[in-house]
C-alpha atoms as a PDB file:
ATOM      1  CA  MET A   1      61.149  71.410 -25.667  1.00  0.00           C
ATOM      2  CA  TYR A   2      59.980  70.440 -29.133  1.00  0.00           C
ATOM      3  CA  LYS A   3      58.353  72.763 -31.634  1.00  0.00           C
ATOM      4  CA  ASP A   4      55.134  70.788 -31.653  1.00  0.00           C
ATOM      5  CA  GLY A   5      55.359  69.759 -28.008  1.00  0.00           C
ATOM      6  CA  PHE A   6      56.251  66.163 -28.803  1.00  0.00           C
ATOM      7  CA  ASN A   7      58.449  64.954 -31.602  1.00  0.00           C
ATOM      8  CA  SER A   8      59.846  67.682 -33.838  1.00  0.00           C
ATOM      9  CA  PRO A   9      63.384  68.413 -32.627  1.00  0.00           C
ATOM     10  CA  ILE A  10      64.578  72.001 -32.504  1.00  0.00           C
ATOM     11  CA  PRO A  11      67.670  72.440 -34.712  1.00  0.00           C
ATOM     12  CA  ASP A  12      70.967  72.720 -32.894  1.00  0.00           C
ATOM     13  CA  THR A  13      72.184  76.255 -32.234  1.00  0.00           C
ATOM     14  CA  ALA A  14      75.818  77.300 -32.114  1.00  0.00           C
ATOM     15  CA  TRP A  15      77.299  77.469 -28.630  1.00  0.00           C
ATOM     16  CA  PRO A  16      77.568  81.233 -27.844  1.00  0.00           C
ATOM     17  CA  LEU A  17      80.699  81.087 -25.690  1.00  0.00           C
ATOM     18  CA  GLN A  18      81.817  84.689 -26.194  1.00  0.00           C
ATOM     19  CA  ALA A  19      78.336  86.096 -25.671  1.00  0.00           C
ATOM     20  CA  LEU A  20      77.896  84.064 -22.495  1.00  0.00           C
ATOM     21  CA  GLU A  21      81.300  85.047 -21.126  1.00  0.00           C
ATOM     22  CA  SER A  22      80.507  88.711 -21.837  1.00  0.00           C
ATOM     23  CA  PHE A  23      77.204  88.366 -20.050  1.00  0.00           C
ATOM     24  CA  LEU A  24      78.861  86.840 -16.989  1.00  0.00           C
ATOM     25  CA  LEU A  25      81.505  89.564 -16.977  1.00  0.00           C
ATOM     26  CA  VAL A  26      78.938  92.367 -17.137  1.00  0.00           C
ATOM     27  CA  HIS A  27      76.832  90.757 -14.424  1.00  0.00           C
ATOM     28  CA  SER A  28      79.728  89.559 -12.291  1.00  0.00           C
ATOM     29  CA  SER A  29      78.227  91.231  -9.220  1.00  0.00           C
ATOM     30  CA  CYS A  30      75.128  89.023  -9.496  1.00  0.00           C
ATOM     31  CA  ALA A  31      74.995  85.500  -8.092  1.00  0.00           C
ATOM     32  CA  LEU A  32      73.491  83.296 -10.796  1.00  0.00           C
ATOM     33  CA  THR A  33      71.644  80.388  -9.182  1.00  0.00           C
ATOM     34  CA  LYS A  34      69.907  78.678 -12.118  1.00  0.00           C
ATOM     35  CA  LEU A  35      71.200  77.746 -15.581  1.00  0.00           C
ATOM     36  CA  SER A  36      69.412  75.844 -18.341  1.00  0.00           C
ATOM     37  CA  ILE A  37      71.240  74.795 -21.539  1.00  0.00           C
ATOM     38  CA  GLN A  38      68.963  73.539 -24.300  1.00  0.00           C
ATOM     39  CA  CYS A  39      70.136  72.051 -27.629  1.00  0.00           C
ATOM     40  CA  LEU A  40      73.460  73.917 -27.686  1.00  0.00           C
ATOM     41  CA  ARG A  41      75.983  71.055 -27.492  1.00  0.00           C
ATOM     42  CA  PRO A  42      78.903  73.073 -26.026  1.00  0.00           C
ATOM     43  CA  PRO A  43      82.408  71.568 -26.209  1.00  0.00           C
ATOM     44  CA  ASP A  44      83.314  69.904 -22.932  1.00  0.00           C
ATOM     45  CA  ASP A  45      86.184  72.217 -22.003  1.00  0.00           C
ATOM     46  CA  GLU A  46      84.195  75.366 -22.795  1.00  0.00           C
ATOM     47  CA  LEU A  47      81.218  74.194 -20.749  1.00  0.00           C
ATOM     48  CA  ILE A  48      83.456  73.507 -17.746  1.00  0.00           C
ATOM     49  CA  THR A  49      85.064  76.946 -18.194  1.00  0.00           C
ATOM     50  CA  ILE A  50      81.637  78.554 -17.898  1.00  0.00           C
ATOM     51  CA  LEU A  51      80.528  76.426 -14.950  1.00  0.00           C
ATOM     52  CA  GLU A  52      83.722  77.253 -13.085  1.00  0.00           C
ATOM     53  CA  GLN A  53      82.587  80.885 -13.148  1.00  0.00           C
ATOM     54  CA  LEU A  54      79.267  80.002 -11.505  1.00  0.00           C
ATOM     55  CA  PRO A  55      80.063  78.800  -7.973  1.00  0.00           C
ATOM     56  CA  SER A  56      76.695  80.084  -6.731  1.00  0.00           C
ATOM     57  CA  LEU A  57      74.701  77.859  -9.126  1.00  0.00           C
ATOM     58  CA  THR A  58      72.138  75.717  -7.280  1.00  0.00           C
ATOM     59  CA  SER A  59      70.195  74.330 -10.272  1.00  0.00           C
ATOM     60  CA  LEU A  60      71.617  73.096 -13.594  1.00  0.00           C
ATOM     61  CA  THR A  61      69.696  71.707 -16.581  1.00  0.00           C
ATOM     62  CA  VAL A  62      71.484  70.397 -19.678  1.00  0.00           C
ATOM     63  CA  ASN A  63      69.296  68.849 -22.368  1.00  0.00           C
ATOM     64  CA  ASP A  64      70.338  67.081 -25.573  1.00  0.00           C
ATOM     65  CA  HIS A  65      67.087  67.143 -27.551  1.00  0.00           C
ATOM     66  CA  GLN A  66      68.346  66.748 -31.119  1.00  0.00           C
ATOM     67  CA  ILE A  67      69.504  63.133 -31.394  1.00  0.00           C
ATOM     68  CA  TYR A  68      69.799  63.288 -35.196  1.00  0.00           C
ATOM     69  CA  SER A  69      72.559  65.909 -35.115  1.00  0.00           C
ATOM     70  CA  SER A  70      76.160  65.045 -35.953  1.00  0.00           C
ATOM     71  CA  CYS A  71      77.286  67.061 -32.917  1.00  0.00           C
ATOM     72  CA  PRO A  72      78.544  65.025 -29.948  1.00  0.00           C
ATOM     73  CA  PRO A  73      76.282  64.760 -26.882  1.00  0.00           C
ATOM     74  CA  THR A  74      76.795  67.336 -24.134  1.00  0.00           C
ATOM     75  CA  GLN A  75      77.309  65.029 -21.150  1.00  0.00           C
ATOM     76  CA  THR A  76      81.008  64.302 -21.591  1.00  0.00           C
ATOM     77  CA  SER A  77      83.721  63.453 -19.097  1.00  0.00           C
ATOM     78  CA  GLY A  78      84.173  66.943 -17.663  1.00  0.00           C
ATOM     79  CA  LEU A  79      80.520  67.377 -16.818  1.00  0.00           C
ATOM     80  CA  ILE A  80      80.257  63.839 -15.460  1.00  0.00           C
ATOM     81  CA  GLN A  81      83.314  64.041 -13.204  1.00  0.00           C
ATOM     82  CA  GLY A  82      83.573  67.774 -12.510  1.00  0.00           C
ATOM     83  CA  PRO A  83      81.035  67.961  -9.664  1.00  0.00           C
ATOM     84  CA  HIS A  84      82.638  65.012  -7.812  1.00  0.00           C
ATOM     85  CA  SER A  85      83.270  66.128  -4.242  1.00  0.00           C
ATOM     86  CA  THR A  86      86.859  64.799  -4.015  1.00  0.00           C
ATOM     87  CA  LEU A  87      88.269  63.918  -7.459  1.00  0.00           C
ATOM     88  CA  ARG A  88      89.079  67.377  -8.765  1.00  0.00           C
ATOM     89  CA  SER A  89      92.620  68.656  -8.348  1.00  0.00           C
ATOM     90  CA  SER A  90      91.314  72.142  -7.553  1.00  0.00           C
ATOM     91  CA  ALA A  91      90.477  73.222  -4.006  1.00  0.00           C
ATOM     92  CA  ALA A  92      86.721  72.814  -4.513  1.00  0.00           C
ATOM     93  CA  PRO A  93      84.550  70.625  -6.741  1.00  0.00           C
ATOM     94  CA  LEU A  94      82.710  72.085  -9.689  1.00  0.00           C
ATOM     95  CA  LEU A  95      79.441  73.783  -8.681  1.00  0.00           C
ATOM     96  CA  PRO A  96      79.826  73.502  -4.891  1.00  0.00           C
ATOM     97  CA  ARG A  97      76.307  74.873  -4.239  1.00  0.00           C
ATOM     98  CA  LEU A  98      74.567  72.564  -6.744  1.00  0.00           C
ATOM     99  CA  ARG A  99      71.385  71.014  -5.313  1.00  0.00           C
ATOM    100  CA  HIS A 100      69.309  70.164  -8.379  1.00  0.00           C
ATOM    101  CA  LEU A 101      70.685  68.516 -11.532  1.00  0.00           C
ATOM    102  CA  THR A 102      68.590  67.705 -14.620  1.00  0.00           C
ATOM    103  CA  LEU A 103      70.219  66.021 -17.615  1.00  0.00           C
ATOM    104  CA  SER A 104      69.015  64.462 -20.828  1.00  0.00           C
ATOM    105  CA  TYR A 105      71.562  62.526 -22.862  1.00  0.00           C
ATOM    106  CA  ALA A 106      71.214  61.784 -26.575  1.00  0.00           C
ATOM    107  CA  GLY A 107      74.132  59.388 -27.057  1.00  0.00           C
ATOM    108  CA  LYS A 108      74.569  55.693 -26.395  1.00  0.00           C
ATOM    109  CA  ALA A 109      78.059  55.705 -24.853  1.00  0.00           C
ATOM    110  CA  PHE A 110      77.923  57.021 -21.290  1.00  0.00           C
ATOM    111  CA  ASP A 111      80.272  56.530 -18.354  1.00  0.00           C
ATOM    112  CA  ASP A 112      77.627  55.203 -15.973  1.00  0.00           C
ATOM    113  CA  ASP A 113      80.100  54.077 -13.313  1.00  0.00           C
ATOM    114  CA  ARG A 114      81.810  57.451 -12.965  1.00  0.00           C
ATOM    115  CA  PHE A 115      78.501  59.273 -13.069  1.00  0.00           C
ATOM    116  CA  VAL A 116      77.138  57.092 -10.262  1.00  0.00           C
ATOM    117  CA  GLU A 117      80.262  57.753  -8.199  1.00  0.00           C
ATOM    118  CA  MET A 118      79.923  61.498  -8.775  1.00  0.00           C
ATOM    119  CA  VAL A 119      76.290  61.506  -7.632  1.00  0.00           C
ATOM    120  CA  LYS A 120      77.093  59.394  -4.587  1.00  0.00           C
ATOM    121  CA  SER A 121      79.882  61.813  -3.672  1.00  0.00           C
ATOM    122  CA  ARG A 122      77.366  64.670  -3.622  1.00  0.00           C
ATOM    123  CA  CYS A 123      74.582  62.859  -1.748  1.00  0.00           C
ATOM    124  CA  LEU A 124      75.931  63.582   1.718  1.00  0.00           C
ATOM    125  CA  SER A 125      74.512  64.619   5.033  1.00  0.00           C
ATOM    126  CA  ASN A 126      74.531  68.355   5.735  1.00  0.00           C
ATOM    127  CA  GLU A 127      77.320  67.809   8.256  1.00  0.00           C
ATOM    128  CA  ASP A 128      79.572  65.829   5.899  1.00  0.00           C
ATOM    129  CA  ALA A 129      78.888  68.195   2.997  1.00  0.00           C
ATOM    130  CA  GLY A 130      79.734  71.164   5.198  1.00  0.00           C
ATOM    131  CA  ARG A 131      83.150  69.723   6.021  1.00  0.00           C
ATOM    132  CA  ILE A 132      83.990  69.571   2.291  1.00  0.00           C
ATOM    133  CA  GLY A 133      82.496  72.978   1.587  1.00  0.00           C
ATOM    134  CA  ILE A 134      79.613  71.901  -0.662  1.00  0.00           C
ATOM    135  CA  ASP A 135      75.831  71.658  -0.524  1.00  0.00           C
ATOM    136  CA  PRO A 136      74.362  68.139  -0.709  1.00  0.00           C
ATOM    137  CA  LEU A 137      72.620  67.222  -3.948  1.00  0.00           C
ATOM    138  CA  GLN A 138      68.871  67.133  -3.324  1.00  0.00           C
ATOM    139  CA  SER A 139      67.509  65.928  -6.665  1.00  0.00           C
ATOM    140  CA  LEU A 140      68.694  64.342  -9.899  1.00  0.00           C
ATOM    141  CA  ALA A 141      66.693  63.705 -13.067  1.00  0.00           C
ATOM    142  CA  LEU A 142      68.656  61.826 -15.743  1.00  0.00           C
ATOM    143  CA  THR A 143      66.926  60.813 -18.974  1.00  0.00           C
ATOM    144  CA  PHE A 144      68.639  58.751 -21.654  1.00  0.00           C
ATOM    145  CA  LEU A 145      67.096  59.656 -25.000  1.00  0.00           C
ATOM    146  CA  ASP A 146      68.559  56.728 -26.913  1.00  0.00           C
ATOM    147  CA  ARG A 147      69.336  54.102 -24.252  1.00  0.00           C
ATOM    148  CA  THR A 148      66.910  51.602 -22.788  1.00  0.00           C
ATOM    149  CA  PRO A 149      67.244  50.165 -19.257  1.00  0.00           C
ATOM    150  CA  ALA A 150      68.637  47.010 -20.874  1.00  0.00           C
ATOM    151  CA  LEU A 151      71.733  49.001 -21.903  1.00  0.00           C
ATOM    152  CA  PHE A 152      72.594  50.418 -18.490  1.00  0.00           C
ATOM    153  CA  GLY A 153      71.471  47.331 -16.564  1.00  0.00           C
ATOM    154  CA  ASP A 154      71.685  47.509 -12.800  1.00  0.00           C
ATOM    155  CA  LYS A 155      74.322  50.257 -12.603  1.00  0.00           C
ATOM    156  CA  TYR A 156      71.861  52.677 -11.046  1.00  0.00           C
ATOM    157  CA  GLU A 157      70.699  50.273  -8.361  1.00  0.00           C
ATOM    158  CA  ALA A 158      73.388  51.980  -6.238  1.00  0.00           C
ATOM    159  CA  PHE A 159      70.937  54.888  -5.971  1.00  0.00           C
ATOM    160  CA  ILE A 160      68.358  52.825  -4.070  1.00  0.00           C
ATOM    161  CA  PRO A 161      69.917  53.350  -0.599  1.00  0.00           C
ATOM    162  CA  LEU A 162      70.266  57.059  -1.399  1.00  0.00           C
ATOM    163  CA  GLU A 163      66.600  57.286  -2.381  1.00  0.00           C
ATOM    164  CA  GLU A 164      65.670  55.564   0.857  1.00  0.00           C
ATOM    165  CA  ALA A 165      67.740  58.194   2.671  1.00  0.00           C
ATOM    166  CA  GLY A 166      65.617  60.942   1.123  1.00  0.00           C
ATOM    167  CA  PHE A 167      67.521  61.952  -2.000  1.00  0.00           C
ATOM    168  CA  LYS A 168      65.343  62.287  -5.119  1.00  0.00           C
ATOM    169  CA  LEU A 169      67.168  60.418  -7.871  1.00  0.00           C
ATOM    170  CA  ASN A 170      65.271  59.606 -11.060  1.00  0.00           C
ATOM    171  CA  VAL A 171      66.903  57.762 -13.982  1.00  0.00           C
ATOM    172  CA  LYS A 172      64.890  56.883 -17.096  1.00  0.00           C
ATOM    173  CA  GLY A 173      65.692  55.113 -20.340  1.00  0.00           C
ATOM    174  CA  VAL A 174      63.782  56.261 -23.402  1.00  0.00           C
ATOM    175  CA  SER A 175      63.847  54.591 -26.795  1.00  0.00           C
ATOM    176  CA  ILE A 176      63.346  56.949 -29.723  1.00  0.00           C
ATOM    177  CA  CYS A 177      62.743  55.365 -33.124  1.00  0.00           C
ATOM    178  CA  SER A 178      63.028  57.338 -36.359  1.00  0.00           C
ATOM    179  CA  PHE A 179      60.917  56.456 -39.379  1.00  0.00           C
ATOM    180  CA  GLN A 180      60.891  57.231 -43.086  1.00  0.00           C
ATOM    181  CA  PRO A 181      61.161  61.002 -43.628  1.00  0.00           C
ATOM    182  CA  GLN A 182      58.240  61.079 -46.075  1.00  0.00           C
ATOM    183  CA  LEU A 183      55.793  60.012 -43.368  1.00  0.00           C
ATOM    184  CA  SER A 184      53.776  62.607 -41.535  1.00  0.00           C
ATOM    185  CA  SER A 185      54.742  63.427 -37.934  1.00  0.00           C
ATOM    186  CA  GLN A 186      53.092  61.095 -35.464  1.00  0.00           C
ATOM    187  CA  GLY A 187      54.085  59.643 -32.171  1.00  0.00           C
ATOM    188  CA  PHE A 188      53.056  57.810 -29.059  1.00  0.00           C
ATOM    189  CA  MET A 189      54.317  57.321 -25.552  1.00  0.00           C
ATOM    190  CA  PHE A 190      53.615  54.602 -23.055  1.00  0.00           C
ATOM    191  CA  THR A 191      54.660  53.980 -19.477  1.00  0.00           C
ATOM    192  CA  LEU A 192      55.302  50.592 -17.908  1.00  0.00           C
ATOM    193  CA  GLU A 193      55.110  50.132 -14.155  1.00  0.00           C
ATOM    194  CA  HIS A 194      54.509  46.448 -13.374  1.00  0.00           C
ATOM    195  CA  ALA A 195      55.166  44.378 -16.476  1.00  0.00           C
ATOM    196  CA  PRO A 196      53.267  41.061 -16.647  1.00  0.00           C
ATOM    197  CA  THR A 197      55.360  37.947 -17.061  1.00  0.00           C
ATOM    198  CA  SER A 198      54.554  34.697 -18.779  1.00  0.00           C
ATOM    199  CA  ASN A 199      53.720  31.747 -16.541  1.00  0.00           C
ATOM    200  CA  SER A 200      56.540  29.629 -17.924  1.00  0.00           C
ATOM    201  CA  SER A 201      59.450  32.038 -17.585  1.00  0.00           C
ATOM    202  CA  ASN A 202      60.692  35.179 -15.905  1.00  0.00           C
ATOM    203  CA  ILE A 203      60.864  37.108 -19.172  1.00  0.00           C
ATOM    204  CA  TYR A 204      58.273  39.794 -19.776  1.00  0.00           C
ATOM    205  CA  ASP A 205      55.666  38.638 -22.232  1.00  0.00           C
ATOM    206  CA  PRO A 206      54.849  41.345 -24.813  1.00  0.00           C
ATOM    207  CA  SER A 207      51.822  39.410 -26.041  1.00  0.00           C
ATOM    208  CA  ALA A 208      50.200  39.856 -22.640  1.00  0.00           C
ATOM    209  CA  LEU A 209      50.038  43.605 -23.230  1.00  0.00           C
ATOM    210  CA  ASN A 210      48.137  43.695 -26.502  1.00  0.00           C
ATOM    211  CA  ASP A 211      45.204  45.296 -24.743  1.00  0.00           C
ATOM    212  CA  ILE A 212      47.143  48.548 -24.270  1.00  0.00           C
ATOM    213  CA  SER A 213      48.770  48.628 -27.706  1.00  0.00           C
ATOM    214  CA  PRO A 214      47.895  51.777 -29.661  1.00  0.00           C
ATOM    215  CA  ARG A 215      46.156  51.370 -32.980  1.00  0.00           C
ATOM    216  CA  LEU A 216      48.902  52.171 -35.440  1.00  0.00           C
ATOM    217  CA  LEU A 217      49.041  51.863 -39.195  1.00  0.00           C
ATOM    218  CA  PRO A 218      52.002  50.142 -40.876  1.00  0.00           C
ATOM    219  CA  PRO A 219      54.940  50.660 -40.761  1.00  0.00           C
ATOM    220  CA  TYR A 220      54.564  51.976 -37.198  1.00  0.00           C
ATOM    221  CA  THR A 221      53.277  48.685 -35.815  1.00  0.00           C
ATOM    222  CA  GLU A 222      56.487  46.704 -36.276  1.00  0.00           C
ATOM    223  CA  PHE A 223      58.659  49.481 -34.849  1.00  0.00           C
ATOM    224  CA  TYR A 224      56.360  49.642 -31.857  1.00  0.00           C
ATOM    225  CA  LYS A 225      56.675  45.907 -31.241  1.00  0.00           C
ATOM    226  CA  LEU A 226      60.464  46.100 -31.309  1.00  0.00           C
ATOM    227  CA  ALA A 227      60.564  49.077 -28.970  1.00  0.00           C
ATOM    228  CA  ARG A 228      58.240  47.634 -26.360  1.00  0.00           C
ATOM    229  CA  TYR A 229      59.943  44.232 -26.419  1.00  0.00           C
ATOM    230  CA  GLU A 230      63.213  45.941 -25.555  1.00  0.00           C
ATOM    231  CA  PHE A 231      61.584  47.700 -22.642  1.00  0.00           C
ATOM    232  CA  TRP A 232      59.817  44.648 -21.296  1.00  0.00           C
ATOM    233  CA  LYS A 233      62.877  42.516 -20.798  1.00  0.00           C
ATOM    234  CA  LYS A 234      63.314  41.383 -17.237  1.00  0.00           C
ATOM    235  CA  THR A 235      65.236  43.629 -14.872  1.00  0.00           C
ATOM    236  CA  SER A 236      66.394  42.957 -11.334  1.00  0.00           C
ATOM    237  CA  HIS A 237      63.647  45.218  -9.954  1.00  0.00           C
ATOM    238  CA  SER A 238      60.468  44.576 -11.928  1.00  0.00           C
ATOM    239  CA  SER A 239      58.506  47.165  -9.948  1.00  0.00           C
ATOM    240  CA  LYS A 240      60.576  50.038 -11.309  1.00  0.00           C
ATOM    241  CA  LYS A 241      58.835  52.416 -13.664  1.00  0.00           C
ATOM    242  CA  TYR A 242      60.253  52.994 -17.148  1.00  0.00           C
ATOM    243  CA  THR A 243      58.973  55.256 -19.883  1.00  0.00           C
ATOM    244  CA  ALA A 244      59.349  54.421 -23.556  1.00  0.00           C
ATOM    245  CA  GLN A 245      58.767  56.873 -26.352  1.00  0.00           C
ATOM    246  CA  CYS A 246      58.635  56.251 -30.071  1.00  0.00           C
ATOM    247  CA  CYS A 247      58.225  59.099 -32.508  1.00  0.00           C
ATOM    248  CA  ALA A 248      58.189  59.642 -36.231  1.00  0.00           C
ATOM    249  CA  SER A 249      59.826  62.663 -37.803  1.00  0.00           C
ATOM    250  CA  SER A 250      58.523  64.351 -40.875  1.00  0.00           C
END
């Protein structure tokens, strides 16, 4: 979450590996089922070490809120590939009981292909999942904080058959624009569901949406135009819903 509920990022906090390991050791008799990691940016190997100690976990949330930090994003190769039902060399995949996964990613470079394969490997029928010794993934919410749909293209179209089969898989691209630091904190958010197109082409026409443009003072107006143009480029499924967010930081 943000301090003001919208656009003031919470500063990064050091990853408390020793404190967390001590907590898990003291409470080793308890079966932890839900874990939420907010703004901590743990190293990949240390995060996997912790998750390996939580085989009973059914719900995991990992959020990268502070995109202006020099720390690397949390969703690295271990977290992307670890839960795969068959790729790990160990006897069981990471988090075998995982049913609900919520991720927000603050970087631009992301291994979409491997992530899609991991999710597909966990979206199984109860019977198939039981043979492997895992629970099927029931829901996924993945939000890219600095990647628009234009950057990840149609890679997540592979989720469509899974959604039709009943799995809840939600992937969003959000564009966050930073402004001059001397400006006061302001922000706006808009959601696009069915983007109008121009009559002469298949490209979304930003000028057709002036009626929903917020009234912004310069220099916000130009940033807003750039952000919405990026989001209104044509995609292979124009009925999909994307959310774009622009915010100014004081």
